[in-house]
Structures are given as structure tokens and as C-alpha cells.
Amino acid sequence: MSVMQEEISTTLYFDRTFNTNAAKISPGEYYYTDKDMLIVTVLGSCVSACIRDSRTGIGGMNHFMLPDGAAADKDSPVSESMRYGTYAMEVLINQLLRNGAKRENLEAK
């Protein structure tokens, strides 16, 4: 399997506690990979979804602030930002599927 990863404004570092590489994501960001590594975030009032293909190990996490944009904002490019859950979930799932994950093997937390 080819090594792949994509990041949007993430911080990559080595986590000494778990002795492994890690990616830290902030609100409006996501990260996916097929590597055995940590993906971490800090949540306050935001939501984060972790999704992975249980067979291939391809997985990722997003971090968003709101479920979706207000109806008045639907035509605005701002509404299609990673800060909205409807868009953030679509982006993460599509990235996983494009890179070899199978929809029937996806699990989320």
C-alpha cells in the first residue's frame, strides 16, 4: 500500500508519551492517513469525528464547530467551509474513499 497523507493546516510531531508520530488538528481542519499514528485534537464546544476503514487501516479525523450553515448562507462560499459538520464529514469520507477505503468497512467514533 502506498503511503499517503493529506493535511490541512495540521501540526505534525513526535509524541513521546505514546512513542509515535502524531498529527494535531484544530477547528476547521482534518487529517487522514494509512500510517499507524495518532491524530489528536482538543475539543471545547466543537465536534470531531474519527472514521476508519477497519480492513485497510485508512482513517482520519475532522474537527468542526457547527452542524451546518444557516439557510441564508447556503450560496455563500463560507458555508462550504470545514467549520461546518455537513461539509467536514463529506470531505473526510470522500478523501478516505478516494484513497482505498471501502464504504462498507467504515466505522466512526
N, C-alpha and C. Protein backbone atom coordinates (compact mmCIF):
# COMPACT_ATOMS: atom_id res chain seq x y z
N MET A 1 0.85 -1.17 0.00
CA MET A 1 0.00 0.00 0.00
C MET A 1 0.89 1.23 0.00
N SER A 2 0.55 2.18 -0.81
CA SER A 2 1.35 3.41 -0.87
C SER A 2 1.10 4.25 0.38
N VAL A 3 2.12 4.97 0.76
CA VAL A 3 1.99 5.85 1.90
C VAL A 3 1.32 7.12 1.43
N MET A 4 0.27 7.51 2.09
CA MET A 4 -0.42 8.74 1.71
C MET A 4 -0.87 9.46 2.95
N GLN A 5 -0.88 10.73 2.84
CA GLN A 5 -1.45 11.53 3.90
C GLN A 5 -1.77 12.90 3.33
N GLU A 6 -2.76 13.51 3.88
CA GLU A 6 -3.12 14.86 3.48
C GLU A 6 -3.41 15.62 4.73
N GLU A 7 -3.06 16.84 4.68
CA GLU A 7 -3.31 17.65 5.85
C GLU A 7 -3.80 19.02 5.42
N ILE A 8 -4.58 19.60 6.25
CA ILE A 8 -4.97 20.97 6.05
C ILE A 8 -4.59 21.69 7.32
N SER A 9 -3.51 22.45 7.26
CA SER A 9 -3.02 23.25 8.40
C SER A 9 -2.86 22.43 9.67
N THR A 10 -2.30 21.25 9.56
CA THR A 10 -2.09 20.44 10.76
C THR A 10 -0.66 20.59 11.25
N THR A 11 -0.46 20.20 12.46
CA THR A 11 0.86 20.18 13.06
C THR A 11 1.28 18.73 13.22
N LEU A 12 2.38 18.35 12.59
CA LEU A 12 2.92 17.01 12.74
C LEU A 12 4.03 17.05 13.79
N TYR A 13 4.08 16.04 14.65
CA TYR A 13 5.10 15.99 15.69
C TYR A 13 5.30 14.56 16.16
N PHE A 14 6.32 14.32 16.96
CA PHE A 14 6.55 13.02 17.57
C PHE A 14 6.04 13.06 19.00
N ASP A 15 5.11 12.18 19.33
CA ASP A 15 4.52 12.13 20.66
C ASP A 15 5.35 11.19 21.53
N ARG A 16 6.03 11.76 22.51
CA ARG A 16 6.92 10.97 23.38
C ARG A 16 6.14 10.06 24.33
N THR A 17 4.95 10.47 24.70
CA THR A 17 4.13 9.65 25.61
C THR A 17 3.79 8.31 24.98
N PHE A 18 3.39 8.35 23.70
CA PHE A 18 2.98 7.13 23.01
C PHE A 18 4.07 6.61 22.07
N ASN A 19 5.21 7.31 22.00
CA ASN A 19 6.35 6.89 21.20
C ASN A 19 5.97 6.67 19.73
N THR A 20 5.26 7.64 19.16
CA THR A 20 4.82 7.52 17.77
C THR A 20 4.62 8.90 17.15
N ASN A 21 4.54 8.95 15.84
CA ASN A 21 4.24 10.20 15.15
C ASN A 21 2.78 10.56 15.37
N ALA A 22 2.50 11.86 15.33
CA ALA A 22 1.15 12.34 15.58
C ALA A 22 0.85 13.56 14.72
N ALA A 23 -0.43 13.78 14.47
CA ALA A 23 -0.91 14.97 13.78
C ALA A 23 -1.93 15.62 14.70
N LYS A 24 -1.78 16.91 14.96
CA LYS A 24 -2.74 17.64 15.78
C LYS A 24 -3.56 18.53 14.87
N ILE A 25 -4.88 18.41 14.97
CA ILE A 25 -5.74 19.23 14.14
C ILE A 25 -6.50 20.24 14.99
N SER A 26 -6.78 21.37 14.39
CA SER A 26 -7.51 22.46 15.03
C SER A 26 -8.88 22.60 14.39
N PRO A 27 -9.76 23.45 14.93
CA PRO A 27 -11.07 23.64 14.33
C PRO A 27 -10.97 24.00 12.85
N GLY A 28 -11.81 23.35 12.04
CA GLY A 28 -11.83 23.60 10.60
C GLY A 28 -10.81 22.77 9.84
N GLU A 29 -10.11 21.88 10.49
CA GLU A 29 -9.09 21.07 9.83
C GLU A 29 -9.48 19.60 9.82
N TYR A 30 -8.78 18.82 9.01
CA TYR A 30 -8.91 17.36 9.02
C TYR A 30 -7.56 16.77 8.64
N TYR A 31 -7.43 15.47 8.88
CA TYR A 31 -6.21 14.76 8.54
C TYR A 31 -6.58 13.32 8.28
N TYR A 32 -5.96 12.70 7.29
CA TYR A 32 -6.17 11.27 7.08
C TYR A 32 -4.84 10.64 6.69
N THR A 33 -4.75 9.35 6.95
CA THR A 33 -3.51 8.63 6.68
C THR A 33 -3.76 7.13 6.67
N ASP A 34 -2.80 6.40 6.13
CA ASP A 34 -2.84 4.94 6.27
C ASP A 34 -1.71 4.46 7.18
N LYS A 35 -1.01 5.41 7.81
CA LYS A 35 0.07 5.08 8.74
C LYS A 35 -0.49 4.78 10.12
N ASP A 36 0.28 4.00 10.89
CA ASP A 36 -0.06 3.73 12.28
C ASP A 36 0.45 4.91 13.09
N MET A 37 -0.41 5.87 13.37
CA MET A 37 -0.02 7.09 14.07
C MET A 37 -1.21 7.65 14.82
N LEU A 38 -0.96 8.65 15.65
CA LEU A 38 -2.02 9.32 16.38
C LEU A 38 -2.54 10.52 15.60
N ILE A 39 -3.83 10.78 15.73
CA ILE A 39 -4.41 12.04 15.27
C ILE A 39 -5.11 12.60 16.50
N VAL A 40 -4.72 13.80 16.90
CA VAL A 40 -5.24 14.36 18.14
C VAL A 40 -5.83 15.74 17.92
N THR A 41 -6.71 16.11 18.84
CA THR A 41 -7.29 17.45 18.84
C THR A 41 -7.72 17.78 20.26
N VAL A 42 -8.09 19.02 20.49
CA VAL A 42 -8.62 19.45 21.77
C VAL A 42 -10.02 20.00 21.49
N LEU A 43 -11.00 19.47 22.18
CA LEU A 43 -12.38 19.90 21.96
C LEU A 43 -12.91 20.72 23.12
N GLY A 44 -13.61 21.77 22.78
CA GLY A 44 -14.35 22.56 23.75
C GLY A 44 -15.81 22.36 23.41
N SER A 45 -16.37 23.30 22.68
CA SER A 45 -17.76 23.17 22.23
C SER A 45 -17.84 22.61 20.81
N CYS A 46 -16.71 22.26 20.22
CA CYS A 46 -16.67 21.72 18.86
C CYS A 46 -16.95 20.22 18.86
N VAL A 47 -16.99 19.66 17.66
CA VAL A 47 -17.22 18.23 17.46
C VAL A 47 -16.11 17.69 16.57
N SER A 48 -15.74 16.47 16.82
CA SER A 48 -14.73 15.81 16.00
C SER A 48 -15.22 14.40 15.69
N ALA A 49 -15.00 13.95 14.46
CA ALA A 49 -15.37 12.59 14.07
C ALA A 49 -14.11 11.85 13.65
N CYS A 50 -13.96 10.64 14.15
CA CYS A 50 -12.87 9.75 13.75
C CYS A 50 -13.49 8.65 12.90
N ILE A 51 -12.99 8.47 11.68
CA ILE A 51 -13.54 7.48 10.77
C ILE A 51 -12.39 6.67 10.20
N ARG A 52 -12.56 5.34 10.15
CA ARG A 52 -11.53 4.49 9.55
C ARG A 52 -12.14 3.29 8.87
N ASP A 53 -11.37 2.77 7.92
CA ASP A 53 -11.71 1.51 7.26
C ASP A 53 -11.08 0.43 8.13
N SER A 54 -11.89 -0.43 8.71
CA SER A 54 -11.39 -1.43 9.66
C SER A 54 -10.51 -2.49 9.00
N ARG A 55 -10.57 -2.61 7.69
CA ARG A 55 -9.74 -3.61 7.00
C ARG A 55 -8.43 -3.04 6.48
N THR A 56 -8.47 -1.86 5.89
CA THR A 56 -7.25 -1.30 5.29
C THR A 56 -6.46 -0.44 6.28
N GLY A 57 -7.11 0.05 7.33
CA GLY A 57 -6.45 0.91 8.28
C GLY A 57 -6.41 2.37 7.86
N ILE A 58 -6.96 2.70 6.70
CA ILE A 58 -7.02 4.09 6.26
C ILE A 58 -8.04 4.80 7.15
N GLY A 59 -7.63 5.91 7.75
CA GLY A 59 -8.53 6.60 8.64
C GLY A 59 -8.19 8.06 8.78
N GLY A 60 -9.07 8.78 9.46
CA GLY A 60 -8.84 10.20 9.64
C GLY A 60 -9.75 10.80 10.70
N MET A 61 -9.54 12.09 10.89
CA MET A 61 -10.33 12.84 11.87
C MET A 61 -10.60 14.23 11.33
N ASN A 62 -11.77 14.75 11.62
CA ASN A 62 -12.06 16.16 11.33
C ASN A 62 -12.41 16.86 12.63
N HIS A 63 -12.51 18.17 12.56
CA HIS A 63 -12.81 18.98 13.75
C HIS A 63 -13.64 20.16 13.25
N PHE A 64 -14.91 20.20 13.65
CA PHE A 64 -15.78 21.26 13.16
C PHE A 64 -16.54 21.91 14.30
N MET A 65 -17.08 23.10 14.00
CA MET A 65 -17.71 23.91 15.04
C MET A 65 -19.23 23.90 15.01
N LEU A 66 -19.82 23.81 13.83
CA LEU A 66 -21.27 23.95 13.68
C LEU A 66 -21.80 22.82 12.81
N PRO A 67 -23.07 22.40 13.00
CA PRO A 67 -23.61 21.31 12.18
C PRO A 67 -23.69 21.68 10.70
N ASP A 68 -24.19 22.87 10.41
CA ASP A 68 -24.25 23.33 9.02
C ASP A 68 -24.45 24.84 9.01
N GLY A 69 -24.34 25.43 7.81
CA GLY A 69 -24.54 26.87 7.68
C GLY A 69 -26.01 27.21 7.73
N ALA A 70 -26.32 28.42 8.10
CA ALA A 70 -27.71 28.88 8.10
C ALA A 70 -28.26 28.83 6.68
N ALA A 71 -29.55 28.67 6.54
CA ALA A 71 -30.16 28.58 5.21
C ALA A 71 -29.79 29.77 4.33
N ALA A 72 -29.67 30.93 4.92
CA ALA A 72 -29.32 32.13 4.15
C ALA A 72 -27.90 32.07 3.62
N ASP A 73 -27.07 31.25 4.24
CA ASP A 73 -25.66 31.16 3.83
C ASP A 73 -25.40 30.07 2.81
N LYS A 74 -26.40 29.33 2.37
CA LYS A 74 -26.18 28.17 1.50
C LYS A 74 -25.47 28.52 0.19
N ASP A 75 -25.64 29.72 -0.33
CA ASP A 75 -24.98 30.10 -1.58
C ASP A 75 -23.63 30.76 -1.35
N SER A 76 -23.28 30.95 -0.12
CA SER A 76 -22.02 31.60 0.21
C SER A 76 -20.89 30.58 0.27
N PRO A 77 -19.71 30.93 -0.28
CA PRO A 77 -18.58 30.00 -0.18
C PRO A 77 -18.16 29.75 1.26
N VAL A 78 -18.50 30.67 2.15
CA VAL A 78 -18.15 30.49 3.56
C VAL A 78 -18.89 29.29 4.13
N SER A 79 -20.11 29.00 3.64
CA SER A 79 -20.89 27.90 4.17
C SER A 79 -20.25 26.56 3.83
N GLU A 80 -19.42 26.51 2.82
CA GLU A 80 -18.75 25.27 2.46
C GLU A 80 -17.35 25.24 3.06
N SER A 81 -17.27 25.57 4.29
CA SER A 81 -16.01 25.58 4.99
C SER A 81 -15.96 24.39 5.93
N MET A 82 -14.76 23.99 6.28
CA MET A 82 -14.58 22.86 7.17
C MET A 82 -15.11 23.15 8.58
N ARG A 83 -15.56 24.37 8.84
CA ARG A 83 -16.11 24.63 10.17
C ARG A 83 -17.52 24.09 10.31
N TYR A 84 -18.15 23.65 9.21
CA TYR A 84 -19.49 23.08 9.24
C TYR A 84 -19.44 21.57 9.09
N GLY A 85 -20.13 20.88 9.98
CA GLY A 85 -20.11 19.43 10.02
C GLY A 85 -20.55 18.74 8.75
N THR A 86 -21.59 19.26 8.10
CA THR A 86 -22.06 18.59 6.88
C THR A 86 -20.97 18.56 5.82
N TYR A 87 -20.24 19.63 5.69
CA TYR A 87 -19.15 19.69 4.70
C TYR A 87 -17.92 18.92 5.19
N ALA A 88 -17.58 19.08 6.47
CA ALA A 88 -16.40 18.41 7.02
C ALA A 88 -16.52 16.90 6.93
N MET A 89 -17.71 16.36 7.17
CA MET A 89 -17.91 14.91 7.06
C MET A 89 -17.77 14.45 5.62
N GLU A 90 -18.35 15.20 4.70
CA GLU A 90 -18.25 14.85 3.28
C GLU A 90 -16.81 14.85 2.81
N VAL A 91 -16.05 15.86 3.18
CA VAL A 91 -14.64 15.96 2.77
C VAL A 91 -13.84 14.77 3.30
N LEU A 92 -13.97 14.46 4.58
CA LEU A 92 -13.20 13.38 5.17
C LEU A 92 -13.58 12.03 4.55
N ILE A 93 -14.85 11.73 4.46
CA ILE A 93 -15.29 10.45 3.89
C ILE A 93 -14.83 10.32 2.45
N ASN A 94 -14.98 11.36 1.65
CA ASN A 94 -14.54 11.30 0.25
C ASN A 94 -13.04 11.08 0.14
N GLN A 95 -12.25 11.72 1.00
CA GLN A 95 -10.80 11.51 0.98
C GLN A 95 -10.47 10.05 1.30
N LEU A 96 -11.13 9.49 2.27
CA LEU A 96 -10.88 8.10 2.63
C LEU A 96 -11.23 7.17 1.48
N LEU A 97 -12.39 7.37 0.87
CA LEU A 97 -12.83 6.53 -0.24
C LEU A 97 -11.91 6.66 -1.45
N ARG A 98 -11.48 7.87 -1.76
CA ARG A 98 -10.57 8.09 -2.90
C ARG A 98 -9.23 7.40 -2.72
N ASN A 99 -8.88 7.15 -1.47
CA ASN A 99 -7.57 6.58 -1.20
C ASN A 99 -7.60 5.12 -0.77
N GLY A 100 -8.70 4.45 -1.09
CA GLY A 100 -8.75 3.00 -0.92
C GLY A 100 -9.66 2.46 0.15
N ALA A 101 -10.24 3.30 0.97
CA ALA A 101 -11.19 2.81 1.97
C ALA A 101 -12.47 2.36 1.27
N LYS A 102 -13.15 1.39 1.84
CA LYS A 102 -14.42 0.92 1.30
C LYS A 102 -15.54 1.34 2.24
N ARG A 103 -16.60 1.90 1.67
CA ARG A 103 -17.72 2.41 2.46
C ARG A 103 -18.26 1.36 3.44
N GLU A 104 -18.35 0.12 2.99
CA GLU A 104 -18.91 -0.94 3.85
C GLU A 104 -18.00 -1.29 5.03
N ASN A 105 -16.74 -0.87 5.00
CA ASN A 105 -15.82 -1.15 6.10
C ASN A 105 -15.61 0.03 7.04
N LEU A 106 -16.26 1.17 6.76
CA LEU A 106 -16.04 2.35 7.57
C LEU A 106 -16.70 2.23 8.94
N GLU A 107 -15.96 2.66 9.95
CA GLU A 107 -16.51 2.77 11.30
C GLU A 107 -16.15 4.14 11.82
N ALA A 108 -17.04 4.69 12.64
CA ALA A 108 -16.86 6.07 13.12
C ALA A 108 -17.03 6.14 14.63
N LYS A 109 -16.33 7.09 15.21
CA LYS A 109 -16.47 7.38 16.64
C LYS A 109 -16.47 8.87 16.81
